[in-house]
Amino acid sequence: MSTIDIHAHHTMSAAKAQEAADMLAQDLSAKFAIDYGWDGDEINFERPGVHGQILVQKDEIHIVAHLGLLLLMLKGPIEQEIYRYLEEHFGCTF
């Protein structure tokens, strides 16, 4: 198993950041059949081969994804897509 662990800073309000994170989770759900749900400020997600959390705080977002063996070879492209999404939709800096 391999882990993606990304911390990023944003300048959105907490409500706007949660809204953007929810849109991210909806997008992942539609594209990759990922189940997700909110638990406070955290989105938990899973599907066969991957599970993790998206923690949304006032000025930071923290994404952890645990990839199974079948997705191990895609770790780099998945990380790049996460960084792109965070820059585009959250205005994040790293």
PDB file of N, CA and C in Angstrom:
ATOM      1  N   MET A   1       0.855  -1.183   0.000  1.00  0.00           N
ATOM      2  CA  MET A   1       0.000   0.000   0.000  1.00  0.00           C
ATOM      3  C   MET A   1       0.891   1.233   0.000  1.00  0.00           C
ATOM      4  N   SER A   2       0.474   2.238  -0.730  1.00  0.00           N
ATOM      5  CA  SER A   2       1.194   3.501  -0.834  1.00  0.00           C
ATOM      6  C   SER A   2       0.276   4.632  -0.381  1.00  0.00           C
ATOM      7  N   THR A   3       0.870   5.685   0.151  1.00  0.00           N
ATOM      8  CA  THR A   3       0.074   6.783   0.686  1.00  0.00           C
ATOM      9  C   THR A   3       0.428   8.091  -0.004  1.00  0.00           C
ATOM     10  N   ILE A   4      -0.604   8.841  -0.345  1.00  0.00           N
ATOM     11  CA  ILE A   4      -0.473  10.223  -0.808  1.00  0.00           C
ATOM     12  C   ILE A   4      -0.851  11.091   0.384  1.00  0.00           C
ATOM     13  N   ASP A   5      -0.006  12.054   0.724  1.00  0.00           N
ATOM     14  CA  ASP A   5      -0.238  12.919   1.887  1.00  0.00           C
ATOM     15  C   ASP A   5       0.104  14.347   1.481  1.00  0.00           C
ATOM     16  N   ILE A   6      -0.919  15.181   1.290  1.00  0.00           N
ATOM     17  CA  ILE A   6      -0.727  16.533   0.779  1.00  0.00           C
ATOM     18  C   ILE A   6      -1.330  17.551   1.741  1.00  0.00           C
ATOM     19  N   HIS A   7      -0.519  18.537   2.143  1.00  0.00           N
ATOM     20  CA  HIS A   7      -0.971  19.695   2.911  1.00  0.00           C
ATOM     21  C   HIS A   7      -0.897  20.903   1.993  1.00  0.00           C
ATOM     22  N   ALA A   8      -1.953  21.707   1.968  1.00  0.00           N
ATOM     23  CA  ALA A   8      -1.936  22.908   1.141  1.00  0.00           C
ATOM     24  C   ALA A   8      -2.640  24.042   1.878  1.00  0.00           C
ATOM     25  N   HIS A   9      -2.167  25.266   1.661  1.00  0.00           N
ATOM     26  CA  HIS A   9      -2.767  26.455   2.273  1.00  0.00           C
ATOM     27  C   HIS A   9      -3.670  27.143   1.259  1.00  0.00           C
ATOM     28  N   HIS A  10      -4.815  27.642   1.749  1.00  0.00           N
ATOM     29  CA  HIS A  10      -5.743  28.377   0.895  1.00  0.00           C
ATOM     30  C   HIS A  10      -6.159  29.650   1.610  1.00  0.00           C
ATOM     31  N   THR A  11      -6.805  30.548   0.881  1.00  0.00           N
ATOM     32  CA  THR A  11      -7.243  31.818   1.461  1.00  0.00           C
ATOM     33  C   THR A  11      -8.760  31.950   1.467  1.00  0.00           C
ATOM     34  N   MET A  12      -9.461  30.844   1.255  1.00  0.00           N
ATOM     35  CA  MET A  12     -10.928  30.866   1.231  1.00  0.00           C
ATOM     36  C   MET A  12     -11.477  30.900   2.658  1.00  0.00           C
ATOM     37  N   SER A  13     -12.720  31.316   2.781  1.00  0.00           N
ATOM     38  CA  SER A  13     -13.382  31.171   4.071  1.00  0.00           C
ATOM     39  C   SER A  13     -13.596  29.684   4.321  1.00  0.00           C
ATOM     40  N   ALA A  14     -13.832  29.317   5.566  1.00  0.00           N
ATOM     41  CA  ALA A  14     -14.046  27.908   5.903  1.00  0.00           C
ATOM     42  C   ALA A  14     -15.250  27.352   5.135  1.00  0.00           C
ATOM     43  N   ALA A  15     -16.317  28.132   5.036  1.00  0.00           N
ATOM     44  CA  ALA A  15     -17.527  27.671   4.339  1.00  0.00           C
ATOM     45  C   ALA A  15     -17.256  27.457   2.848  1.00  0.00           C
ATOM     46  N   LYS A  16     -16.539  28.379   2.217  1.00  0.00           N
ATOM     47  CA  LYS A  16     -16.217  28.238   0.792  1.00  0.00           C
ATOM     48  C   LYS A  16     -15.276  27.051   0.565  1.00  0.00           C
ATOM     49  N   ALA A  17     -14.333  26.853   1.472  1.00  0.00           N
ATOM     50  CA  ALA A  17     -13.412  25.722   1.338  1.00  0.00           C
ATOM     51  C   ALA A  17     -14.163  24.400   1.481  1.00  0.00           C
ATOM     52  N   GLN A  18     -15.118  24.334   2.398  1.00  0.00           N
ATOM     53  CA  GLN A  18     -15.912  23.109   2.547  1.00  0.00           C
ATOM     54  C   GLN A  18     -16.769  22.875   1.306  1.00  0.00           C
ATOM     55  N   GLU A  19     -17.300  23.943   0.744  1.00  0.00           N
ATOM     56  CA  GLU A  19     -18.094  23.833  -0.481  1.00  0.00           C
ATOM     57  C   GLU A  19     -17.225  23.302  -1.632  1.00  0.00           C
ATOM     58  N   ALA A  20     -16.012  23.828  -1.766  1.00  0.00           N
ATOM     59  CA  ALA A  20     -15.102  23.367  -2.820  1.00  0.00           C
ATOM     60  C   ALA A  20     -14.688  21.912  -2.585  1.00  0.00           C
ATOM     61  N   ALA A  21     -14.461  21.539  -1.330  1.00  0.00           N
ATOM     62  CA  ALA A  21     -14.103  20.150  -1.015  1.00  0.00           C
ATOM     63  C   ALA A  21     -15.262  19.216  -1.322  1.00  0.00           C
ATOM     64  N   ASP A  22     -16.479  19.656  -1.056  1.00  0.00           N
ATOM     65  CA  ASP A  22     -17.645  18.833  -1.370  1.00  0.00           C
ATOM     66  C   ASP A  22     -17.773  18.647  -2.884  1.00  0.00           C
ATOM     67  N   MET A  23     -17.497  19.693  -3.635  1.00  0.00           N
ATOM     68  CA  MET A  23     -17.527  19.584  -5.101  1.00  0.00           C
ATOM     69  C   MET A  23     -16.460  18.606  -5.582  1.00  0.00           C
ATOM     70  N   LEU A  24     -15.280  18.622  -4.944  1.00  0.00           N
ATOM     71  CA  LEU A  24     -14.222  17.678  -5.273  1.00  0.00           C
ATOM     72  C   LEU A  24     -14.700  16.250  -5.007  1.00  0.00           C
ATOM     73  N   ALA A  25     -15.313  16.025  -3.846  1.00  0.00           N
ATOM     74  CA  ALA A  25     -15.799  14.694  -3.498  1.00  0.00           C
ATOM     75  C   ALA A  25     -16.896  14.236  -4.466  1.00  0.00           C
ATOM     76  N   GLN A  26     -17.784  15.146  -4.850  1.00  0.00           N
ATOM     77  CA  GLN A  26     -18.832  14.800  -5.819  1.00  0.00           C
ATOM     78  C   GLN A  26     -18.218  14.426  -7.165  1.00  0.00           C
ATOM     79  N   ASP A  27     -17.196  15.181  -7.576  1.00  0.00           N
ATOM     80  CA  ASP A  27     -16.513  14.910  -8.838  1.00  0.00           C
ATOM     81  C   ASP A  27     -15.841  13.533  -8.803  1.00  0.00           C
ATOM     82  N   LEU A  28     -15.137  13.244  -7.703  1.00  0.00           N
ATOM     83  CA  LEU A  28     -14.494  11.936  -7.561  1.00  0.00           C
ATOM     84  C   LEU A  28     -15.524  10.819  -7.549  1.00  0.00           C
ATOM     85  N   SER A  29     -16.637  11.063  -6.884  1.00  0.00           N
ATOM     86  CA  SER A  29     -17.697  10.059  -6.811  1.00  0.00           C
ATOM     87  C   SER A  29     -18.248   9.746  -8.198  1.00  0.00           C
ATOM     88  N   ALA A  30     -18.481  10.788  -8.983  1.00  0.00           N
ATOM     89  CA  ALA A  30     -19.037  10.605 -10.320  1.00  0.00           C
ATOM     90  C   ALA A  30     -18.043   9.929 -11.270  1.00  0.00           C
ATOM     91  N   LYS A  31     -16.773  10.321 -11.189  1.00  0.00           N
ATOM     92  CA  LYS A  31     -15.776   9.796 -12.116  1.00  0.00           C
ATOM     93  C   LYS A  31     -15.280   8.402 -11.750  1.00  0.00           C
ATOM     94  N   PHE A  32     -15.167   8.133 -10.434  1.00  0.00           N
ATOM     95  CA  PHE A  32     -14.487   6.921 -10.002  1.00  0.00           C
ATOM     96  C   PHE A  32     -15.310   6.053  -9.056  1.00  0.00           C
ATOM     97  N   ALA A  33     -16.603   6.335  -8.945  1.00  0.00           N
ATOM     98  CA  ALA A  33     -17.495   5.540  -8.076  1.00  0.00           C
ATOM     99  C   ALA A  33     -16.967   5.461  -6.644  1.00  0.00           C
ATOM    100  N   ILE A  34     -16.529   6.592  -6.122  1.00  0.00           N
ATOM    101  CA  ILE A  34     -16.026   6.664  -4.752  1.00  0.00           C
ATOM    102  C   ILE A  34     -17.176   7.056  -3.828  1.00  0.00           C
ATOM    103  N   ASP A  35     -17.320   6.312  -2.738  1.00  0.00           N
ATOM    104  CA  ASP A  35     -18.298   6.657  -1.711  1.00  0.00           C
ATOM    105  C   ASP A  35     -17.641   7.633  -0.742  1.00  0.00           C
ATOM    106  N   TYR A  36     -18.397   8.630  -0.304  1.00  0.00           N
ATOM    107  CA  TYR A  36     -17.832   9.596   0.633  1.00  0.00           C
ATOM    108  C   TYR A  36     -18.904  10.101   1.580  1.00  0.00           C
ATOM    109  N   GLY A  37     -18.454  10.673   2.678  1.00  0.00           N
ATOM    110  CA  GLY A  37     -19.359  11.286   3.638  1.00  0.00           C
ATOM    111  C   GLY A  37     -18.590  12.230   4.542  1.00  0.00           C
ATOM    112  N   TRP A  38     -19.290  13.240   5.030  1.00  0.00           N
ATOM    113  CA  TRP A  38     -18.702  14.233   5.934  1.00  0.00           C
ATOM    114  C   TRP A  38     -18.757  13.724   7.365  1.00  0.00           C
ATOM    115  N   ASP A  39     -17.710  14.014   8.127  1.00  0.00           N
ATOM    116  CA  ASP A  39     -17.647  13.776   9.564  1.00  0.00           C
ATOM    117  C   ASP A  39     -17.008  15.023  10.160  1.00  0.00           C
ATOM    118  N   GLY A  40     -17.836  16.002  10.528  1.00  0.00           N
ATOM    119  CA  GLY A  40     -17.312  17.289  10.993  1.00  0.00           C
ATOM    120  C   GLY A  40     -16.679  18.035   9.839  1.00  0.00           C
ATOM    121  N   ASP A  41     -15.386  18.370   9.976  1.00  0.00           N
ATOM    122  CA  ASP A  41     -14.645  19.096   8.934  1.00  0.00           C
ATOM    123  C   ASP A  41     -13.897  18.158   7.999  1.00  0.00           C
ATOM    124  N   GLU A  42     -14.217  16.887   8.047  1.00  0.00           N
ATOM    125  CA  GLU A  42     -13.463  15.889   7.292  1.00  0.00           C
ATOM    126  C   GLU A  42     -14.378  15.088   6.371  1.00  0.00           C
ATOM    127  N   ILE A  43     -13.904  14.872   5.160  1.00  0.00           N
ATOM    128  CA  ILE A  43     -14.590  13.986   4.224  1.00  0.00           C
ATOM    129  C   ILE A  43     -13.828  12.664   4.232  1.00  0.00           C
ATOM    130  N   ASN A  44     -14.539  11.591   4.494  1.00  0.00           N
ATOM    131  CA  ASN A  44     -13.959  10.256   4.395  1.00  0.00           C
ATOM    132  C   ASN A  44     -14.424   9.656   3.081  1.00  0.00           C
ATOM    133  N   PHE A  45     -13.503   9.030   2.350  1.00  0.00           N
ATOM    134  CA  PHE A  45     -13.876   8.441   1.067  1.00  0.00           C
ATOM    135  C   PHE A  45     -13.258   7.057   0.930  1.00  0.00           C
ATOM    136  N   GLU A  46     -13.930   6.233   0.116  1.00  0.00           N
ATOM    137  CA  GLU A  46     -13.389   4.903  -0.144  1.00  0.00           C
ATOM    138  C   GLU A  46     -14.040   4.265  -1.362  1.00  0.00           C
ATOM    139  N   ARG A  47     -13.327   3.332  -1.895  1.00  0.00           N
ATOM    140  CA  ARG A  47     -13.772   2.432  -2.951  1.00  0.00           C
ATOM    141  C   ARG A  47     -12.732   1.324  -2.983  1.00  0.00           C
ATOM    142  N   PRO A  48     -12.999   0.238  -3.632  1.00  0.00           N
ATOM    143  CA  PRO A  48     -11.978  -0.805  -3.685  1.00  0.00           C
ATOM    144  C   PRO A  48     -10.661  -0.239  -4.238  1.00  0.00           C
ATOM    145  N   GLY A  49      -9.591  -0.428  -3.490  1.00  0.00           N
ATOM    146  CA  GLY A  49      -8.269   0.013  -3.924  1.00  0.00           C
ATOM    147  C   GLY A  49      -7.825   1.359  -3.421  1.00  0.00           C
ATOM    148  N   VAL A  50      -8.714   2.121  -2.792  1.00  0.00           N
ATOM    149  CA  VAL A  50      -8.328   3.430  -2.260  1.00  0.00           C
ATOM    150  C   VAL A  50      -9.279   3.845  -1.137  1.00  0.00           C
ATOM    151  N   HIS A  51      -8.716   4.476  -0.105  1.00  0.00           N
ATOM    152  CA  HIS A  51      -9.519   5.090   0.946  1.00  0.00           C
ATOM    153  C   HIS A  51      -8.706   6.230   1.545  1.00  0.00           C
ATOM    154  N   GLY A  52      -9.405   7.175   2.157  1.00  0.00           N
ATOM    155  CA  GLY A  52      -8.685   8.290   2.739  1.00  0.00           C
ATOM    156  C   GLY A  52      -9.588   9.359   3.295  1.00  0.00           C
ATOM    157  N   GLN A  53      -8.979  10.526   3.558  1.00  0.00           N
ATOM    158  CA  GLN A  53      -9.679  11.646   4.162  1.00  0.00           C
ATOM    159  C   GLN A  53      -9.242  12.955   3.501  1.00  0.00           C
ATOM    160  N   ILE A  54     -10.185  13.899   3.515  1.00  0.00           N
ATOM    161  CA  ILE A  54      -9.907  15.272   3.124  1.00  0.00           C
ATOM    162  C   ILE A  54     -10.324  16.132   4.313  1.00  0.00           C
ATOM    163  N   LEU A  55      -9.356  16.710   5.003  1.00  0.00           N
ATOM    164  CA  LEU A  55      -9.623  17.557   6.164  1.00  0.00           C
ATOM    165  C   LEU A  55      -9.604  19.009   5.698  1.00  0.00           C
ATOM    166  N   VAL A  56     -10.720  19.705   5.924  1.00  0.00           N
ATOM    167  CA  VAL A  56     -10.859  21.092   5.490  1.00  0.00           C
ATOM    168  C   VAL A  56     -10.850  21.990   6.717  1.00  0.00           C
ATOM    169  N   GLN A  57      -9.833  22.847   6.795  1.00  0.00           N
ATOM    170  CA  GLN A  57      -9.731  23.782   7.903  1.00  0.00           C
ATOM    171  C   GLN A  57      -9.755  25.210   7.378  1.00  0.00           C
ATOM    172  N   LYS A  58      -9.752  26.155   8.302  1.00  0.00           N
ATOM    173  CA  LYS A  58      -9.903  27.566   7.955  1.00  0.00           C
ATOM    174  C   LYS A  58      -8.936  28.014   6.856  1.00  0.00           C
ATOM    175  N   ASP A  59      -7.668  27.654   6.954  1.00  0.00           N
ATOM    176  CA  ASP A  59      -6.702  28.113   5.961  1.00  0.00           C
ATOM    177  C   ASP A  59      -5.859  26.979   5.380  1.00  0.00           C
ATOM    178  N   GLU A  60      -6.275  25.747   5.609  1.00  0.00           N
ATOM    179  CA  GLU A  60      -5.496  24.608   5.131  1.00  0.00           C
ATOM    180  C   GLU A  60      -6.410  23.452   4.727  1.00  0.00           C
ATOM    181  N   ILE A  61      -5.957  22.697   3.766  1.00  0.00           N
ATOM    182  CA  ILE A  61      -6.623  21.459   3.382  1.00  0.00           C
ATOM    183  C   ILE A  61      -5.563  20.361   3.430  1.00  0.00           C
ATOM    184  N   HIS A  62      -5.949  19.231   3.978  1.00  0.00           N
ATOM    185  CA  HIS A  62      -5.030  18.099   4.121  1.00  0.00           C
ATOM    186  C   HIS A  62      -5.704  16.880   3.507  1.00  0.00           C
ATOM    187  N   ILE A  63      -5.046  16.299   2.519  1.00  0.00           N
ATOM    188  CA  ILE A  63      -5.587  15.133   1.822  1.00  0.00           C
ATOM    189  C   ILE A  63      -4.659  13.947   2.056  1.00  0.00           C
ATOM    190  N   VAL A  64      -5.249  12.848   2.508  1.00  0.00           N
ATOM    191  CA  VAL A  64      -4.521  11.595   2.673  1.00  0.00           C
ATOM    192  C   VAL A  64      -5.291  10.527   1.904  1.00  0.00           C
ATOM    193  N   ALA A  65      -4.590   9.833   1.016  1.00  0.00           N
ATOM    194  CA  ALA A  65      -5.199   8.747   0.250  1.00  0.00           C
ATOM    195  C   ALA A  65      -4.290   7.534   0.327  1.00  0.00           C
ATOM    196  N   HIS A  66      -4.850   6.418   0.722  1.00  0.00           N
ATOM    197  CA  HIS A  66      -4.118   5.161   0.803  1.00  0.00           C
ATOM    198  C   HIS A  66      -4.474   4.352  -0.439  1.00  0.00           C
ATOM    199  N   LEU A  67      -3.469   4.105  -1.275  1.00  0.00           N
ATOM    200  CA  LEU A  67      -3.677   3.426  -2.546  1.00  0.00           C
ATOM    201  C   LEU A  67      -3.323   1.950  -2.422  1.00  0.00           C
ATOM    202  N   GLY A  68      -4.193   1.114  -2.935  1.00  0.00           N
ATOM    203  CA  GLY A  68      -3.929  -0.310  -2.967  1.00  0.00           C
ATOM    204  C   GLY A  68      -2.950  -0.661  -4.071  1.00  0.00           C
ATOM    205  N   LEU A  69      -2.627  -1.923  -4.159  1.00  0.00           N
ATOM    206  CA  LEU A  69      -1.629  -2.412  -5.095  1.00  0.00           C
ATOM    207  C   LEU A  69      -1.943  -2.054  -6.551  1.00  0.00           C
ATOM    208  N   LEU A  70      -3.205  -2.155  -6.939  1.00  0.00           N
ATOM    209  CA  LEU A  70      -3.559  -1.892  -8.337  1.00  0.00           C
ATOM    210  C   LEU A  70      -3.382  -0.423  -8.734  1.00  0.00           C
ATOM    211  N   LEU A  71      -3.461   0.479  -7.776  1.00  0.00           N
ATOM    212  CA  LEU A  71      -3.310   1.908  -8.086  1.00  0.00           C
ATOM    213  C   LEU A  71      -1.895   2.427  -7.817  1.00  0.00           C
ATOM    214  N   LEU A  72      -1.029   1.574  -7.309  1.00  0.00           N
ATOM    215  CA  LEU A  72       0.328   1.982  -6.960  1.00  0.00           C
ATOM    216  C   LEU A  72       1.061   2.618  -8.141  1.00  0.00           C
ATOM    217  N   MET A  73       0.895   2.058  -9.327  1.00  0.00           N
ATOM    218  CA  MET A  73       1.578   2.586 -10.506  1.00  0.00           C
ATOM    219  C   MET A  73       1.030   3.950 -10.936  1.00  0.00           C
ATOM    220  N   LEU A  74      -0.142   4.317 -10.456  1.00  0.00           N
ATOM    221  CA  LEU A  74      -0.751   5.600 -10.819  1.00  0.00           C
ATOM    222  C   LEU A  74      -0.560   6.676  -9.756  1.00  0.00           C
ATOM    223  N   LYS A  75       0.253   6.395  -8.743  1.00  0.00           N
ATOM    224  CA  LYS A  75       0.429   7.358  -7.649  1.00  0.00           C
ATOM    225  C   LYS A  75       0.872   8.730  -8.162  1.00  0.00           C
ATOM    226  N   GLY A  76       1.872   8.784  -9.018  1.00  0.00           N
ATOM    227  CA  GLY A  76       2.375  10.066  -9.542  1.00  0.00           C
ATOM    228  C   GLY A  76       1.306  10.858 -10.267  1.00  0.00           C
ATOM    229  N   PRO A  77       0.622  10.268 -11.252  1.00  0.00           N
ATOM    230  CA  PRO A  77      -0.441  11.006 -11.936  1.00  0.00           C
ATOM    231  C   PRO A  77      -1.590  11.420 -11.013  1.00  0.00           C
ATOM    232  N   ILE A  78      -1.916  10.588 -10.043  1.00  0.00           N
ATOM    233  CA  ILE A  78      -2.984  10.942  -9.101  1.00  0.00           C
ATOM    234  C   ILE A  78      -2.564  12.145  -8.270  1.00  0.00           C
ATOM    235  N   GLU A  79      -1.316  12.139  -7.767  1.00  0.00           N
ATOM    236  CA  GLU A  79      -0.811  13.281  -6.998  1.00  0.00           C
ATOM    237  C   GLU A  79      -0.812  14.557  -7.837  1.00  0.00           C
ATOM    238  N   GLN A  80      -0.371  14.469  -9.074  1.00  0.00           N
ATOM    239  CA  GLN A  80      -0.348  15.641  -9.949  1.00  0.00           C
ATOM    240  C   GLN A  80      -1.751  16.196 -10.158  1.00  0.00           C
ATOM    241  N   GLU A  81      -2.721  15.315 -10.319  1.00  0.00           N
ATOM    242  CA  GLU A  81      -4.106  15.756 -10.509  1.00  0.00           C
ATOM    243  C   GLU A  81      -4.638  16.434  -9.242  1.00  0.00           C
ATOM    244  N   ILE A  82      -4.277  15.924  -8.082  1.00  0.00           N
ATOM    245  CA  ILE A  82      -4.705  16.550  -6.823  1.00  0.00           C
ATOM    246  C   ILE A  82      -4.108  17.950  -6.714  1.00  0.00           C
ATOM    247  N   TYR A  83      -2.807  18.075  -6.982  1.00  0.00           N
ATOM    248  CA  TYR A  83      -2.167  19.402  -6.929  1.00  0.00           C
ATOM    249  C   TYR A  83      -2.828  20.367  -7.907  1.00  0.00           C
ATOM    250  N   ARG A  84      -3.105  19.906  -9.132  1.00  0.00           N
ATOM    251  CA  ARG A  84      -3.750  20.759 -10.132  1.00  0.00           C
ATOM    252  C   ARG A  84      -5.113  21.207  -9.639  1.00  0.00           C
ATOM    253  N   TYR A  85      -5.882  20.279  -9.103  1.00  0.00           N
ATOM    254  CA  TYR A  85      -7.230  20.600  -8.629  1.00  0.00           C
ATOM    255  C   TYR A  85      -7.165  21.611  -7.482  1.00  0.00           C
ATOM    256  N   LEU A  86      -6.249  21.407  -6.546  1.00  0.00           N
ATOM    257  CA  LEU A  86      -6.133  22.331  -5.412  1.00  0.00           C
ATOM    258  C   LEU A  86      -5.725  23.722  -5.856  1.00  0.00           C
ATOM    259  N   GLU A  87      -4.813  23.821  -6.804  1.00  0.00           N
ATOM    260  CA  GLU A  87      -4.412  25.132  -7.321  1.00  0.00           C
ATOM    261  C   GLU A  87      -5.561  25.807  -8.028  1.00  0.00           C
ATOM    262  N   GLU A  88      -6.278  25.035  -8.863  1.00  0.00           N
ATOM    263  CA  GLU A  88      -7.355  25.604  -9.684  1.00  0.00           C
ATOM    264  C   GLU A  88      -8.592  25.960  -8.882  1.00  0.00           C
ATOM    265  N   HIS A  89      -9.007  25.113  -7.982  1.00  0.00           N
ATOM    266  CA  HIS A  89     -10.288  25.305  -7.292  1.00  0.00           C
ATOM    267  C   HIS A  89     -10.167  25.923  -5.898  1.00  0.00           C
ATOM    268  N   PHE A  90      -8.998  25.817  -5.280  1.00  0.00           N
ATOM    269  CA  PHE A  90      -8.803  26.361  -3.936  1.00  0.00           C
ATOM    270  C   PHE A  90      -7.835  27.535  -3.928  1.00  0.00           C
ATOM    271  N   GLY A  91      -7.111  27.728  -5.023  1.00  0.00           N
ATOM    272  CA  GLY A  91      -6.068  28.764  -5.041  1.00  0.00           C
ATOM    273  C   GLY A  91      -4.946  28.441  -4.071  1.00  0.00           C
ATOM    274  N   CYS A  92      -4.684  27.157  -3.891  1.00  0.00           N
ATOM    275  CA  CYS A  92      -3.710  26.708  -2.894  1.00  0.00           C
ATOM    276  C   CYS A  92      -2.275  27.036  -3.298  1.00  0.00           C
ATOM    277  N   THR A  93      -1.467  27.176  -2.273  1.00  0.00           N
ATOM    278  CA  THR A  93      -0.027  27.288  -2.433  1.00  0.00           C
ATOM    279  C   THR A  93       0.610  26.121  -1.678  1.00  0.00           C
ATOM    280  N   PHE A  94       1.781  25.734  -2.114  1.00  0.00           N
ATOM    281  CA  PHE A  94       2.452  24.573  -1.507  1.00  0.00           C
ATOM    282  C   PHE A  94       3.835  24.929  -1.019  1.00  0.00           C
TER     283      PHE A  94
END
